[in-house]
Amino acid sequence: MAFSVSALVLFGIIVVIFIRNKQLKTSHAIVAALFGFMVSQSTAAGPIQQFLNQLANTISSLAG
């Protein structure tokens, strides 16, 4: 759970930076957020979560 919260904060910061640099329009950010909510409700959510967990474990084992 800590990884998903950290990823949420990281992606939120990236979106804010893009919006401030005018590289990402507000409408595009809204569409991306809605797409994320749709994906979380689909059957693809499980494999995506497993992949992210494995990726986080790999990165932490390389860093530590």
PDB file of N, CA and C in Angstrom:
ATOM      1  N   MET A   1       0.820  -1.188   0.000  1.00  0.00           N
ATOM      2  CA  MET A   1       0.000   0.000   0.000  1.00  0.00           C
ATOM      3  C   MET A   1       0.866   1.255   0.000  1.00  0.00           C
ATOM      4  N   ALA A   2       2.002   1.222   0.700  1.00  0.00           N
ATOM      5  CA  ALA A   2       2.856   2.404   0.753  1.00  0.00           C
ATOM      6  C   ALA A   2       3.381   2.760  -0.629  1.00  0.00           C
ATOM      7  N   PHE A   3       3.645   1.744  -1.458  1.00  0.00           N
ATOM      8  CA  PHE A   3       4.151   2.018  -2.799  1.00  0.00           C
ATOM      9  C   PHE A   3       3.098   2.733  -3.631  1.00  0.00           C
ATOM     10  N   SER A   4       1.851   2.314  -3.563  1.00  0.00           N
ATOM     11  CA  SER A   4       0.824   2.943  -4.380  1.00  0.00           C
ATOM     12  C   SER A   4       0.587   4.391  -3.953  1.00  0.00           C
ATOM     13  N   VAL A   5       0.680   4.679  -2.673  1.00  0.00           N
ATOM     14  CA  VAL A   5       0.535   6.061  -2.227  1.00  0.00           C
ATOM     15  C   VAL A   5       1.719   6.883  -2.720  1.00  0.00           C
ATOM     16  N   SER A   6       2.926   6.338  -2.628  1.00  0.00           N
ATOM     17  CA  SER A   6       4.109   7.043  -3.105  1.00  0.00           C
ATOM     18  C   SER A   6       4.028   7.276  -4.610  1.00  0.00           C
ATOM     19  N   ALA A   7       3.576   6.287  -5.350  1.00  0.00           N
ATOM     20  CA  ALA A   7       3.436   6.438  -6.792  1.00  0.00           C
ATOM     21  C   ALA A   7       2.388   7.492  -7.111  1.00  0.00           C
ATOM     22  N   LEU A   8       1.318   7.510  -6.348  1.00  0.00           N
ATOM     23  CA  LEU A   8       0.277   8.515  -6.558  1.00  0.00           C
ATOM     24  C   LEU A   8       0.835   9.920  -6.342  1.00  0.00           C
ATOM     25  N   VAL A   9       1.599  10.095  -5.289  1.00  0.00           N
ATOM     26  CA  VAL A   9       2.206  11.406  -5.024  1.00  0.00           C
ATOM     27  C   VAL A   9       3.190  11.769  -6.126  1.00  0.00           C
ATOM     28  N   LEU A  10       4.019  10.817  -6.541  1.00  0.00           N
ATOM     29  CA  LEU A  10       4.994  11.066  -7.599  1.00  0.00           C
ATOM     30  C   LEU A  10       4.312  11.469  -8.899  1.00  0.00           C
ATOM     31  N   PHE A  11       3.313  10.717  -9.312  1.00  0.00           N
ATOM     32  CA  PHE A  11       2.605  11.040 -10.547  1.00  0.00           C
ATOM     33  C   PHE A  11       1.860  12.363 -10.424  1.00  0.00           C
ATOM     34  N   GLY A  12       1.330  12.658  -9.248  1.00  0.00           N
ATOM     35  CA  GLY A  12       0.671  13.938  -9.033  1.00  0.00           C
ATOM     36  C   GLY A  12       1.632  15.104  -9.181  1.00  0.00           C
ATOM     37  N   ILE A  13       2.834  14.951  -8.636  1.00  0.00           N
ATOM     38  CA  ILE A  13       3.851  15.998  -8.775  1.00  0.00           C
ATOM     39  C   ILE A  13       4.240  16.175 -10.234  1.00  0.00           C
ATOM     40  N   ILE A  14       4.415  15.071 -10.955  1.00  0.00           N
ATOM     41  CA  ILE A  14       4.778  15.149 -12.371  1.00  0.00           C
ATOM     42  C   ILE A  14       3.692  15.867 -13.165  1.00  0.00           C
ATOM     43  N   VAL A  15       2.438  15.555 -12.885  1.00  0.00           N
ATOM     44  CA  VAL A  15       1.328  16.207 -13.596  1.00  0.00           C
ATOM     45  C   VAL A  15       1.316  17.705 -13.299  1.00  0.00           C
ATOM     46  N   VAL A  16       1.527  18.068 -12.036  1.00  0.00           N
ATOM     47  CA  VAL A  16       1.552  19.489 -11.677  1.00  0.00           C
ATOM     48  C   VAL A  16       2.688  20.209 -12.397  1.00  0.00           C
ATOM     49  N   ILE A  17       3.860  19.584 -12.464  1.00  0.00           N
ATOM     50  CA  ILE A  17       4.999  20.193 -13.175  1.00  0.00           C
ATOM     51  C   ILE A  17       4.664  20.380 -14.646  1.00  0.00           C
ATOM     52  N   PHE A  18       4.081  19.368 -15.265  1.00  0.00           N
ATOM     53  CA  PHE A  18       3.723  19.485 -16.682  1.00  0.00           C
ATOM     54  C   PHE A  18       2.687  20.584 -16.913  1.00  0.00           C
ATOM     55  N   ILE A  19       1.719  20.688 -16.022  1.00  0.00           N
ATOM     56  CA  ILE A  19       0.699  21.726 -16.184  1.00  0.00           C
ATOM     57  C   ILE A  19       1.327  23.109 -16.027  1.00  0.00           C
ATOM     58  N   ARG A  20       2.201  23.275 -15.058  1.00  0.00           N
ATOM     59  CA  ARG A  20       2.841  24.582 -14.847  1.00  0.00           C
ATOM     60  C   ARG A  20       3.759  24.964 -15.999  1.00  0.00           C
ATOM     61  N   ASN A  21       4.403  23.969 -16.624  1.00  0.00           N
ATOM     62  CA  ASN A  21       5.268  24.244 -17.769  1.00  0.00           C
ATOM     63  C   ASN A  21       4.489  24.319 -19.074  1.00  0.00           C
ATOM     64  N   LYS A  22       3.170  24.203 -18.970  1.00  0.00           N
ATOM     65  CA  LYS A  22       2.269  24.246 -20.118  1.00  0.00           C
ATOM     66  C   LYS A  22       2.579  23.175 -21.153  1.00  0.00           C
ATOM     67  N   GLN A  23       3.106  22.046 -20.684  1.00  0.00           N
ATOM     68  CA  GLN A  23       3.336  20.903 -21.556  1.00  0.00           C
ATOM     69  C   GLN A  23       2.169  19.919 -21.472  1.00  0.00           C
ATOM     70  N   LEU A  24       1.352  20.074 -20.465  1.00  0.00           N
ATOM     71  CA  LEU A  24       0.179  19.214 -20.295  1.00  0.00           C
ATOM     72  C   LEU A  24      -1.005  20.107 -19.969  1.00  0.00           C
ATOM     73  N   LYS A  25      -1.978  20.077 -20.814  1.00  0.00           N
ATOM     74  CA  LYS A  25      -3.175  20.881 -20.595  1.00  0.00           C
ATOM     75  C   LYS A  25      -4.010  20.271 -19.478  1.00  0.00           C
ATOM     76  N   THR A  26      -4.795  21.085 -18.823  1.00  0.00           N
ATOM     77  CA  THR A  26      -5.640  20.615 -17.740  1.00  0.00           C
ATOM     78  C   THR A  26      -6.621  19.558 -18.233  1.00  0.00           C
ATOM     79  N   SER A  27      -7.150  19.734 -19.430  1.00  0.00           N
ATOM     80  CA  SER A  27      -8.084  18.747 -19.970  1.00  0.00           C
ATOM     81  C   SER A  27      -7.406  17.400 -20.175  1.00  0.00           C
ATOM     82  N   HIS A  28      -6.142  17.400 -20.585  1.00  0.00           N
ATOM     83  CA  HIS A  28      -5.415  16.143 -20.763  1.00  0.00           C
ATOM     84  C   HIS A  28      -5.190  15.451 -19.417  1.00  0.00           C
ATOM     85  N   ALA A  29      -4.901  16.233 -18.384  1.00  0.00           N
ATOM     86  CA  ALA A  29      -4.716  15.664 -17.052  1.00  0.00           C
ATOM     87  C   ALA A  29      -6.015  15.048 -16.544  1.00  0.00           C
ATOM     88  N   ILE A  30      -7.135  15.686 -16.813  1.00  0.00           N
ATOM     89  CA  ILE A  30      -8.429  15.150 -16.389  1.00  0.00           C
ATOM     90  C   ILE A  30      -8.727  13.843 -17.113  1.00  0.00           C
ATOM     91  N   VAL A  31      -8.453  13.798 -18.424  1.00  0.00           N
ATOM     92  CA  VAL A  31      -8.671  12.568 -19.190  1.00  0.00           C
ATOM     93  C   VAL A  31      -7.767  11.457 -18.674  1.00  0.00           C
ATOM     94  N   ALA A  32      -6.506  11.774 -18.353  1.00  0.00           N
ATOM     95  CA  ALA A  32      -5.586  10.763 -17.826  1.00  0.00           C
ATOM     96  C   ALA A  32      -6.068  10.237 -16.475  1.00  0.00           C
ATOM     97  N   ALA A  33      -6.577  11.124 -15.624  1.00  0.00           N
ATOM     98  CA  ALA A  33      -7.096  10.698 -14.324  1.00  0.00           C
ATOM     99  C   ALA A  33      -8.324   9.806 -14.488  1.00  0.00           C
ATOM    100  N   LEU A  34      -9.218  10.188 -15.375  1.00  0.00           N
ATOM    101  CA  LEU A  34     -10.410   9.358 -15.622  1.00  0.00           C
ATOM    102  C   LEU A  34     -10.029   7.998 -16.186  1.00  0.00           C
ATOM    103  N   PHE A  35      -9.027   7.969 -17.075  1.00  0.00           N
ATOM    104  CA  PHE A  35      -8.546   6.705 -17.617  1.00  0.00           C
ATOM    105  C   PHE A  35      -7.995   5.830 -16.493  1.00  0.00           C
ATOM    106  N   GLY A  36      -7.260   6.433 -15.560  1.00  0.00           N
ATOM    107  CA  GLY A  36      -6.731   5.682 -14.424  1.00  0.00           C
ATOM    108  C   GLY A  36      -7.831   5.082 -13.571  1.00  0.00           C
ATOM    109  N   PHE A  37      -8.899   5.845 -13.338  1.00  0.00           N
ATOM    110  CA  PHE A  37     -10.025   5.307 -12.575  1.00  0.00           C
ATOM    111  C   PHE A  37     -10.700   4.156 -13.314  1.00  0.00           C
ATOM    112  N   MET A  38     -10.825   4.275 -14.633  1.00  0.00           N
ATOM    113  CA  MET A  38     -11.433   3.206 -15.423  1.00  0.00           C
ATOM    114  C   MET A  38     -10.575   1.938 -15.382  1.00  0.00           C
ATOM    115  N   VAL A  39      -9.259   2.101 -15.497  1.00  0.00           N
ATOM    116  CA  VAL A  39      -8.361   0.944 -15.460  1.00  0.00           C
ATOM    117  C   VAL A  39      -8.422   0.263 -14.100  1.00  0.00           C
ATOM    118  N   SER A  40      -8.536   1.050 -13.029  1.00  0.00           N
ATOM    119  CA  SER A  40      -8.576   0.459 -11.689  1.00  0.00           C
ATOM    120  C   SER A  40      -9.829  -0.393 -11.479  1.00  0.00           C
ATOM    121  N   GLN A  41     -10.873  -0.116 -12.236  1.00  0.00           N
ATOM    122  CA  GLN A  41     -12.106  -0.888 -12.129  1.00  0.00           C
ATOM    123  C   GLN A  41     -12.117  -2.112 -13.040  1.00  0.00           C
ATOM    124  N   SER A  42     -11.140  -2.223 -13.941  1.00  0.00           N
ATOM    125  CA  SER A  42     -11.139  -3.305 -14.926  1.00  0.00           C
ATOM    126  C   SER A  42     -10.398  -4.532 -14.411  1.00  0.00           C
ATOM    127  N   THR A  43     -10.412  -5.582 -15.214  1.00  0.00           N
ATOM    128  CA  THR A  43      -9.687  -6.808 -14.862  1.00  0.00           C
ATOM    129  C   THR A  43      -8.182  -6.642 -15.042  1.00  0.00           C
ATOM    130  N   ALA A  44      -7.747  -5.576 -15.687  1.00  0.00           N
ATOM    131  CA  ALA A  44      -6.316  -5.332 -15.865  1.00  0.00           C
ATOM    132  C   ALA A  44      -5.671  -4.782 -14.592  1.00  0.00           C
ATOM    133  N   ALA A  45      -6.467  -4.377 -13.606  1.00  0.00           N
ATOM    134  CA  ALA A  45      -5.925  -3.765 -12.392  1.00  0.00           C
ATOM    135  C   ALA A  45      -5.031  -4.733 -11.616  1.00  0.00           C
ATOM    136  N   GLY A  46      -5.421  -5.994 -11.523  1.00  0.00           N
ATOM    137  CA  GLY A  46      -4.638  -6.988 -10.783  1.00  0.00           C
ATOM    138  C   GLY A  46      -3.249  -7.193 -11.355  1.00  0.00           C
ATOM    139  N   PRO A  47      -3.135  -7.526 -12.647  1.00  0.00           N
ATOM    140  CA  PRO A  47      -1.795  -7.698 -13.230  1.00  0.00           C
ATOM    141  C   PRO A  47      -0.943  -6.432 -13.189  1.00  0.00           C
ATOM    142  N   ILE A  48      -1.569  -5.272 -13.361  1.00  0.00           N
ATOM    143  CA  ILE A  48      -0.813  -4.017 -13.293  1.00  0.00           C
ATOM    144  C   ILE A  48      -0.270  -3.823 -11.880  1.00  0.00           C
ATOM    145  N   GLN A  49      -1.075  -4.097 -10.862  1.00  0.00           N
ATOM    146  CA  GLN A  49      -0.629  -3.967  -9.475  1.00  0.00           C
ATOM    147  C   GLN A  49       0.491  -4.949  -9.166  1.00  0.00           C
ATOM    148  N   GLN A  50       0.377  -6.181  -9.655  1.00  0.00           N
ATOM    149  CA  GLN A  50       1.441  -7.164  -9.450  1.00  0.00           C
ATOM    150  C   GLN A  50       2.740  -6.715 -10.110  1.00  0.00           C
ATOM    151  N   PHE A  51       2.648  -6.184 -11.321  1.00  0.00           N
ATOM    152  CA  PHE A  51       3.831  -5.692 -12.021  1.00  0.00           C
ATOM    153  C   PHE A  51       4.489  -4.554 -11.246  1.00  0.00           C
ATOM    154  N   LEU A  52       3.680  -3.605 -10.764  1.00  0.00           N
ATOM    155  CA  LEU A  52       4.230  -2.483 -10.005  1.00  0.00           C
ATOM    156  C   LEU A  52       4.871  -2.942  -8.702  1.00  0.00           C
ATOM    157  N   ASN A  53       4.269  -3.932  -8.045  1.00  0.00           N
ATOM    158  CA  ASN A  53       4.860  -4.464  -6.819  1.00  0.00           C
ATOM    159  C   ASN A  53       6.194  -5.142  -7.103  1.00  0.00           C
ATOM    160  N   GLN A  54       6.272  -5.935  -8.181  1.00  0.00           N
ATOM    161  CA  GLN A  54       7.526  -6.584  -8.537  1.00  0.00           C
ATOM    162  C   GLN A  54       8.586  -5.556  -8.909  1.00  0.00           C
ATOM    163  N   LEU A  55       8.181  -4.513  -9.626  1.00  0.00           N
ATOM    164  CA  LEU A  55       9.098  -3.455 -10.002  1.00  0.00           C
ATOM    165  C   LEU A  55       9.633  -2.739  -8.757  1.00  0.00           C
ATOM    166  N   ALA A  56       8.757  -2.454  -7.797  1.00  0.00           N
ATOM    167  CA  ALA A  56       9.175  -1.797  -6.558  1.00  0.00           C
ATOM    168  C   ALA A  56      10.128  -2.692  -5.761  1.00  0.00           C
ATOM    169  N   ASN A  57       9.848  -3.988  -5.713  1.00  0.00           N
ATOM    170  CA  ASN A  57      10.726  -4.920  -5.016  1.00  0.00           C
ATOM    171  C   ASN A  57      12.091  -4.996  -5.688  1.00  0.00           C
ATOM    172  N   THR A  58      12.108  -5.011  -7.004  1.00  0.00           N
ATOM    173  CA  THR A  58      13.367  -5.061  -7.751  1.00  0.00           C
ATOM    174  C   THR A  58      14.191  -3.799  -7.500  1.00  0.00           C
ATOM    175  N   ILE A  59      13.543  -2.656  -7.571  1.00  0.00           N
ATOM    176  CA  ILE A  59      14.259  -1.392  -7.343  1.00  0.00           C
ATOM    177  C   ILE A  59      14.796  -1.317  -5.918  1.00  0.00           C
ATOM    178  N   SER A  60      13.981  -1.739  -4.942  1.00  0.00           N
ATOM    179  CA  SER A  60      14.447  -1.679  -3.548  1.00  0.00           C
ATOM    180  C   SER A  60      15.579  -2.661  -3.293  1.00  0.00           C
ATOM    181  N   SER A  61      15.567  -3.826  -3.963  1.00  0.00           N
ATOM    182  CA  SER A  61      16.663  -4.772  -3.780  1.00  0.00           C
ATOM    183  C   SER A  61      17.942  -4.283  -4.448  1.00  0.00           C
ATOM    184  N   LEU A  62      17.830  -3.549  -5.550  1.00  0.00           N
ATOM    185  CA  LEU A  62      19.011  -2.988  -6.197  1.00  0.00           C
ATOM    186  C   LEU A  62      19.587  -1.828  -5.386  1.00  0.00           C
ATOM    187  N   ALA A  63      18.705  -1.044  -4.785  1.00  0.00           N
ATOM    188  CA  ALA A  63      19.150   0.125  -4.017  1.00  0.00           C
ATOM    189  C   ALA A  63      19.720  -0.277  -2.658  1.00  0.00           C
ATOM    190  N   GLY A  64      19.243  -1.377  -2.114  1.00  0.00           N
ATOM    191  CA  GLY A  64      19.643  -1.754  -0.759  1.00  0.00           C
ATOM    192  C   GLY A  64      20.662  -2.761  -0.752  1.00  0.00           C
TER     193      GLY A  64
END
